[in-house]
């Protein structure tokens, strides 16, 4: 991402009252930076991420949010 990296994007989403409750799935080849806020992301998947794994995580997040 040319202007900011994904971690900064997530930090800003979590800091904003309007977007902080949106579930975030991260597919990355990097580790989360140390000292990150908990939760940094709802799901952290390592690349390459198989489609069935991603779909499973999306379904679980949808179920969790529907139950809340």
PDB file of N, CA and C in Angstrom:
ATOM      1  N   UNK A   1       0.851  -1.163   0.000  1.00  0.00           N
ATOM      2  CA  UNK A   1       0.000   0.000   0.000  1.00  0.00           C
ATOM      3  C   UNK A   1       0.900   1.231   0.000  1.00  0.00           C
ATOM      4  N   UNK A   2       0.684   2.101  -0.918  1.00  0.00           N
ATOM      5  CA  UNK A   2       1.634   3.193  -1.110  1.00  0.00           C
ATOM      6  C   UNK A   2       1.685   4.237   0.013  1.00  0.00           C
ATOM      7  N   UNK A   3       0.580   4.543   0.674  1.00  0.00           N
ATOM      8  CA  UNK A   3       0.571   5.622   1.652  1.00  0.00           C
ATOM      9  C   UNK A   3       0.833   5.115   3.065  1.00  0.00           C
ATOM     10  N   UNK A   4       0.223   4.005   3.440  1.00  0.00           N
ATOM     11  CA  UNK A   4       0.447   3.429   4.764  1.00  0.00           C
ATOM     12  C   UNK A   4       0.366   1.917   4.653  1.00  0.00           C
ATOM     13  N   UNK A   5       1.008   1.239   5.597  1.00  0.00           N
ATOM     14  CA  UNK A   5       0.967  -0.223   5.540  1.00  0.00           C
ATOM     15  C   UNK A   5      -0.315  -0.740   6.192  1.00  0.00           C
ATOM     16  N   UNK A   6      -0.523  -2.032   6.071  1.00  0.00           N
ATOM     17  CA  UNK A   6      -1.731  -2.655   6.599  1.00  0.00           C
ATOM     18  C   UNK A   6      -1.868  -2.516   8.095  1.00  0.00           C
ATOM     19  N   UNK A   7      -0.759  -2.600   8.819  1.00  0.00           N
ATOM     20  CA  UNK A   7      -0.806  -2.496  10.288  1.00  0.00           C
ATOM     21  C   UNK A   7      -1.283  -1.103  10.705  1.00  0.00           C
ATOM     22  N   UNK A   8      -0.830  -0.070  10.006  1.00  0.00           N
ATOM     23  CA  UNK A   8      -1.284   1.287  10.318  1.00  0.00           C
ATOM     24  C   UNK A   8      -2.759   1.441   9.962  1.00  0.00           C
ATOM     25  N   UNK A   9      -3.183   0.830   8.882  1.00  0.00           N
ATOM     26  CA  UNK A   9      -4.585   0.862   8.499  1.00  0.00           C
ATOM     27  C   UNK A   9      -5.446   0.254   9.599  1.00  0.00           C
ATOM     28  N   UNK A  10      -5.023  -0.906  10.107  1.00  0.00           N
ATOM     29  CA  UNK A  10      -5.774  -1.561  11.184  1.00  0.00           C
ATOM     30  C   UNK A  10      -5.771  -0.700  12.443  1.00  0.00           C
ATOM     31  N   UNK A  11      -4.629  -0.108  12.773  1.00  0.00           N
ATOM     32  CA  UNK A  11      -4.548   0.743  13.960  1.00  0.00           C
ATOM     33  C   UNK A  11      -5.567   1.878  13.865  1.00  0.00           C
ATOM     34  N   UNK A  12      -5.666   2.465  12.688  1.00  0.00           N
ATOM     35  CA  UNK A  12      -6.612   3.571  12.498  1.00  0.00           C
ATOM     36  C   UNK A  12      -8.058   3.089  12.552  1.00  0.00           C
ATOM     37  N   UNK A  13      -8.330   1.925  11.967  1.00  0.00           N
ATOM     38  CA  UNK A  13      -9.684   1.368  12.037  1.00  0.00           C
ATOM     39  C   UNK A  13     -10.094   1.099  13.482  1.00  0.00           C
ATOM     40  N   UNK A  14      -9.176   0.549  14.272  1.00  0.00           N
ATOM     41  CA  UNK A  14      -9.456   0.240  15.676  1.00  0.00           C
ATOM     42  C   UNK A  14      -9.597   1.512  16.514  1.00  0.00           C
ATOM     43  N   UNK A  15      -8.946   2.575  16.119  1.00  0.00           N
ATOM     44  CA  UNK A  15      -9.004   3.819  16.879  1.00  0.00           C
ATOM     45  C   UNK A  15     -10.286   4.610  16.604  1.00  0.00           C
ATOM     46  N   UNK A  16     -10.931   4.351  15.490  1.00  0.00           N
ATOM     47  CA  UNK A  16     -12.125   5.095  15.094  1.00  0.00           C
ATOM     48  C   UNK A  16     -13.374   4.403  15.642  1.00  0.00           C
ATOM     49  N   UNK A  17     -14.186   5.154  16.369  1.00  0.00           N
ATOM     50  CA  UNK A  17     -15.395   4.595  16.974  1.00  0.00           C
ATOM     51  C   UNK A  17     -16.336   3.981  15.928  1.00  0.00           C
ATOM     52  N   UNK A  18     -16.371   4.539  14.740  1.00  0.00           N
ATOM     53  CA  UNK A  18     -17.265   4.058  13.682  1.00  0.00           C
ATOM     54  C   UNK A  18     -16.833   2.721  13.085  1.00  0.00           C
ATOM     55  N   UNK A  19     -15.547   2.399  13.158  1.00  0.00           N
ATOM     56  CA  UNK A  19     -15.050   1.186  12.495  1.00  0.00           C
ATOM     57  C   UNK A  19     -14.419   0.174  13.440  1.00  0.00           C
ATOM     58  N   UNK A  20     -14.308   0.493  14.730  1.00  0.00           N
ATOM     59  CA  UNK A  20     -13.569  -0.399  15.636  1.00  0.00           C
ATOM     60  C   UNK A  20     -14.202  -1.765  15.822  1.00  0.00           C
ATOM     61  N   UNK A  21     -15.505  -1.892  15.574  1.00  0.00           N
ATOM     62  CA  UNK A  21     -16.152  -3.191  15.783  1.00  0.00           C
ATOM     63  C   UNK A  21     -16.197  -4.054  14.518  1.00  0.00           C
ATOM     64  N   UNK A  22     -15.698  -3.537  13.415  1.00  0.00           N
ATOM     65  CA  UNK A  22     -15.666  -4.318  12.173  1.00  0.00           C
ATOM     66  C   UNK A  22     -14.607  -5.414  12.307  1.00  0.00           C
ATOM     67  N   UNK A  23     -14.995  -6.680  12.085  1.00  0.00           N
ATOM     68  CA  UNK A  23     -14.006  -7.756  12.167  1.00  0.00           C
ATOM     69  C   UNK A  23     -12.935  -7.592  11.085  1.00  0.00           C
ATOM     70  N   UNK A  24     -11.700  -7.894  11.452  1.00  0.00           N
ATOM     71  CA  UNK A  24     -10.583  -7.763  10.525  1.00  0.00           C
ATOM     72  C   UNK A  24      -9.868  -9.101  10.409  1.00  0.00           C
ATOM     73  N   UNK A  25      -9.721  -9.557   9.177  1.00  0.00           N
ATOM     74  CA  UNK A  25      -8.933 -10.755   8.877  1.00  0.00           C
ATOM     75  C   UNK A  25      -7.703 -10.285   8.131  1.00  0.00           C
ATOM     76  N   UNK A  26      -6.539 -10.658   8.628  1.00  0.00           N
ATOM     77  CA  UNK A  26      -5.274 -10.284   8.006  1.00  0.00           C
ATOM     78  C   UNK A  26      -4.649 -11.524   7.384  1.00  0.00           C
ATOM     79  N   UNK A  27      -4.325 -11.428   6.105  1.00  0.00           N
ATOM     80  CA  UNK A  27      -3.552 -12.462   5.415  1.00  0.00           C
ATOM     81  C   UNK A  27      -2.192 -11.841   5.149  1.00  0.00           C
ATOM     82  N   UNK A  28      -1.168 -12.355   5.800  1.00  0.00           N
ATOM     83  CA  UNK A  28       0.133 -11.711   5.727  1.00  0.00           C
ATOM     84  C   UNK A  28       1.272 -12.714   5.657  1.00  0.00           C
ATOM     85  N   UNK A  29       2.356 -12.247   5.120  1.00  0.00           N
ATOM     86  CA  UNK A  29       3.588 -13.006   5.116  1.00  0.00           C
ATOM     87  C   UNK A  29       4.500 -12.525   6.230  1.00  0.00           C
ATOM     88  N   UNK A  30       4.037 -11.531   6.988  1.00  0.00           N
ATOM     89  CA  UNK A  30       4.821 -10.953   8.071  1.00  0.00           C
ATOM     90  C   UNK A  30       4.143 -11.222   9.407  1.00  0.00           C
ATOM     91  N   UNK A  31       4.899 -11.080  10.486  1.00  0.00           N
ATOM     92  CA  UNK A  31       4.328 -11.207  11.819  1.00  0.00           C
ATOM     93  C   UNK A  31       3.784  -9.858  12.258  1.00  0.00           C
ATOM     94  N   UNK A  32       2.804  -9.901  13.172  1.00  0.00           N
ATOM     95  CA  UNK A  32       2.277  -8.655  13.726  1.00  0.00           C
ATOM     96  C   UNK A  32       3.382  -7.967  14.502  1.00  0.00           C
ATOM     97  N   UNK A  33       3.456  -6.659  14.423  1.00  0.00           N
ATOM     98  CA  UNK A  33       4.491  -5.944  15.158  1.00  0.00           C
ATOM     99  C   UNK A  33       4.354  -6.163  16.658  1.00  0.00           C
ATOM    100  N   UNK A  34       5.470  -6.180  17.371  1.00  0.00           N
ATOM    101  CA  UNK A  34       5.423  -6.370  18.814  1.00  0.00           C
ATOM    102  C   UNK A  34       4.788  -5.167  19.474  1.00  0.00           C
ATOM    103  N   UNK A  35       4.155  -5.410  20.607  1.00  0.00           N
ATOM    104  CA  UNK A  35       3.518  -4.327  21.338  1.00  0.00           C
ATOM    105  C   UNK A  35       2.220  -3.852  20.716  1.00  0.00           C
ATOM    106  N   UNK A  36       1.612  -4.674  19.867  1.00  0.00           N
ATOM    107  CA  UNK A  36       0.358  -4.271  19.238  1.00  0.00           C
ATOM    108  C   UNK A  36      -0.781  -4.376  20.243  1.00  0.00           C
ATOM    109  N   UNK A  37      -1.838  -3.634  19.962  1.00  0.00           N
ATOM    110  CA  UNK A  37      -2.987  -3.643  20.837  1.00  0.00           C
ATOM    111  C   UNK A  37      -3.738  -4.953  20.685  1.00  0.00           C
ATOM    112  N   UNK A  38      -4.358  -5.382  21.748  1.00  0.00           N
ATOM    113  CA  UNK A  38      -5.112  -6.626  21.741  1.00  0.00           C
ATOM    114  C   UNK A  38      -6.594  -6.282  21.653  1.00  0.00           C
ATOM    115  N   UNK A  39      -7.384  -6.716  20.714  1.00  0.00           N
ATOM    116  CA  UNK A  39      -6.915  -7.542  19.609  1.00  0.00           C
ATOM    117  C   UNK A  39      -6.419  -6.684  18.445  1.00  0.00           C
ATOM    118  N   UNK A  40      -5.339  -7.081  17.869  1.00  0.00           N
ATOM    119  CA  UNK A  40      -4.799  -6.364  16.705  1.00  0.00           C
ATOM    120  C   UNK A  40      -5.676  -6.652  15.501  1.00  0.00           C
ATOM    121  N   UNK A  41      -5.938  -7.919  15.304  1.00  0.00           N
ATOM    122  CA  UNK A  41      -6.852  -8.348  14.249  1.00  0.00           C
ATOM    123  C   UNK A  41      -7.651  -9.506  14.820  1.00  0.00           C
ATOM    124  N   UNK A  42      -8.829  -9.731  14.273  1.00  0.00           N
ATOM    125  CA  UNK A  42      -9.651 -10.829  14.759  1.00  0.00           C
ATOM    126  C   UNK A  42      -9.069 -12.168  14.343  1.00  0.00           C
ATOM    127  N   UNK A  43      -8.493 -12.195  13.155  1.00  0.00           N
ATOM    128  CA  UNK A  43      -7.885 -13.417  12.627  1.00  0.00           C
ATOM    129  C   UNK A  43      -6.607 -13.035  11.899  1.00  0.00           C
ATOM    130  N   UNK A  44      -5.550 -13.769  12.149  1.00  0.00           N
ATOM    131  CA  UNK A  44      -4.281 -13.552  11.464  1.00  0.00           C
ATOM    132  C   UNK A  44      -3.914 -14.846  10.750  1.00  0.00           C
ATOM    133  N   UNK A  45      -3.895 -14.805   9.422  1.00  0.00           N
ATOM    134  CA  UNK A  45      -3.591 -15.975   8.611  1.00  0.00           C
ATOM    135  C   UNK A  45      -2.274 -15.762   7.882  1.00  0.00           C
ATOM    136  N   UNK A  46      -1.493 -16.809   7.807  1.00  0.00           N
ATOM    137  CA  UNK A  46      -0.218 -16.746   7.103  1.00  0.00           C
ATOM    138  C   UNK A  46      -0.431 -17.038   5.615  1.00  0.00           C
ATOM    139  N   UNK A  47       0.270 -16.286   4.781  1.00  0.00           N
ATOM    140  CA  UNK A  47       0.260 -16.544   3.335  1.00  0.00           C
ATOM    141  C   UNK A  47       1.189 -17.707   3.041  1.00  0.00           C
ATOM    142  N   UNK A  48       0.890 -18.502   2.073  1.00  0.00           N
ATOM    143  CA  UNK A  48      -0.345 -18.493   1.294  1.00  0.00           C
ATOM    144  C   UNK A  48      -1.487 -19.076   2.131  1.00  0.00           C
ATOM    145  N   UNK A  49      -2.624 -18.454   2.028  1.00  0.00           N
ATOM    146  CA  UNK A  49      -3.789 -18.855   2.811  1.00  0.00           C
ATOM    147  C   UNK A  49      -4.752 -19.615   1.900  1.00  0.00           C
ATOM    148  N   UNK A  50      -4.980 -20.889   2.211  1.00  0.00           N
ATOM    149  CA  UNK A  50      -5.932 -21.645   1.389  1.00  0.00           C
ATOM    150  C   UNK A  50      -7.338 -21.049   1.483  1.00  0.00           C
ATOM    151  N   UNK A  51      -8.059 -21.055   0.408  1.00  0.00           N
ATOM    152  CA  UNK A  51      -9.394 -20.472   0.354  1.00  0.00           C
ATOM    153  C   UNK A  51     -10.318 -21.102   1.394  1.00  0.00           C
ATOM    154  N   UNK A  52     -10.246 -22.421   1.578  1.00  0.00           N
ATOM    155  CA  UNK A  52     -11.133 -23.062   2.543  1.00  0.00           C
ATOM    156  C   UNK A  52     -10.855 -22.582   3.971  1.00  0.00           C
ATOM    157  N   UNK A  53      -9.605 -22.272   4.291  1.00  0.00           N
ATOM    158  CA  UNK A  53      -9.258 -21.739   5.608  1.00  0.00           C
ATOM    159  C   UNK A  53      -9.844 -20.340   5.781  1.00  0.00           C
ATOM    160  N   UNK A  54      -9.705 -19.509   4.765  1.00  0.00           N
ATOM    161  CA  UNK A  54     -10.263 -18.161   4.810  1.00  0.00           C
ATOM    162  C   UNK A  54     -11.779 -18.208   4.974  1.00  0.00           C
ATOM    163  N   UNK A  55     -12.446 -19.041   4.198  1.00  0.00           N
ATOM    164  CA  UNK A  55     -13.902 -19.156   4.289  1.00  0.00           C
ATOM    165  C   UNK A  55     -14.342 -19.648   5.663  1.00  0.00           C
ATOM    166  N   UNK A  56     -13.621 -20.588   6.244  1.00  0.00           N
ATOM    167  CA  UNK A  56     -13.927 -21.078   7.586  1.00  0.00           C
ATOM    168  C   UNK A  56     -13.853 -19.937   8.599  1.00  0.00           C
ATOM    169  N   UNK A  57     -12.803 -19.132   8.516  1.00  0.00           N
ATOM    170  CA  UNK A  57     -12.635 -18.013   9.445  1.00  0.00           C
ATOM    171  C   UNK A  57     -13.735 -16.969   9.265  1.00  0.00           C
ATOM    172  N   UNK A  58     -14.124 -16.690   8.025  1.00  0.00           N
ATOM    173  CA  UNK A  58     -15.201 -15.732   7.764  1.00  0.00           C
ATOM    174  C   UNK A  58     -16.501 -16.258   8.365  1.00  0.00           C
ATOM    175  N   UNK A  59     -16.793 -17.528   8.154  1.00  0.00           N
ATOM    176  CA  UNK A  59     -18.017 -18.110   8.717  1.00  0.00           C
ATOM    177  C   UNK A  59     -18.018 -18.035  10.243  1.00  0.00           C
ATOM    178  N   UNK A  60     -16.882 -18.325  10.855  1.00  0.00           N
ATOM    179  CA  UNK A  60     -16.801 -18.269  12.313  1.00  0.00           C
ATOM    180  C   UNK A  60     -17.018 -16.847  12.830  1.00  0.00           C
ATOM    181  N   UNK A  61     -16.433 -15.867  12.159  1.00  0.00           N
ATOM    182  CA  UNK A  61     -16.641 -14.473  12.558  1.00  0.00           C
ATOM    183  C   UNK A  61     -18.101 -14.067  12.404  1.00  0.00           C
ATOM    184  N   UNK A  62     -18.744 -14.485  11.314  1.00  0.00           N
ATOM    185  CA  UNK A  62     -20.150 -14.162  11.103  1.00  0.00           C
ATOM    186  C   UNK A  62     -21.022 -14.787  12.184  1.00  0.00           C
ATOM    187  N   UNK A  63     -20.739 -16.048  12.542  1.00  0.00           N
ATOM    188  CA  UNK A  63     -21.496 -16.708  13.612  1.00  0.00           C
ATOM    189  C   UNK A  63     -21.293 -16.002  14.947  1.00  0.00           C
ATOM    190  N   UNK A  64     -20.054 -15.653  15.242  1.00  0.00           N
ATOM    191  CA  UNK A  64     -19.736 -14.982  16.497  1.00  0.00           C
ATOM    192  C   UNK A  64     -20.456 -13.630  16.586  1.00  0.00           C
ATOM    193  N   UNK A  65     -20.481 -12.886  15.493  1.00  0.00           N
ATOM    194  CA  UNK A  65     -21.126 -11.570  15.492  1.00  0.00           C
ATOM    195  C   UNK A  65     -22.645 -11.695  15.536  1.00  0.00           C
ATOM    196  N   UNK A  66     -23.201 -12.745  14.917  1.00  0.00           N
ATOM    197  CA  UNK A  66     -24.638 -12.943  14.941  1.00  0.00           C
ATOM    198  C   UNK A  66     -25.111 -13.309  16.350  1.00  0.00           C
ATOM    199  N   UNK A  67     -24.262 -14.011  17.094  1.00  0.00           N
ATOM    200  CA  UNK A  67     -24.614 -14.429  18.449  1.00  0.00           C
ATOM    201  C   UNK A  67     -24.495 -13.285  19.455  1.00  0.00           C
ATOM    202  N   UNK A  68     -23.743 -12.266  19.098  1.00  0.00           N
ATOM    203  CA  UNK A  68     -23.497 -11.143  20.042  1.00  0.00           C
ATOM    204  C   UNK A  68     -24.654 -10.185  20.121  1.00  0.00           C
TER     205      UNK A  68
END
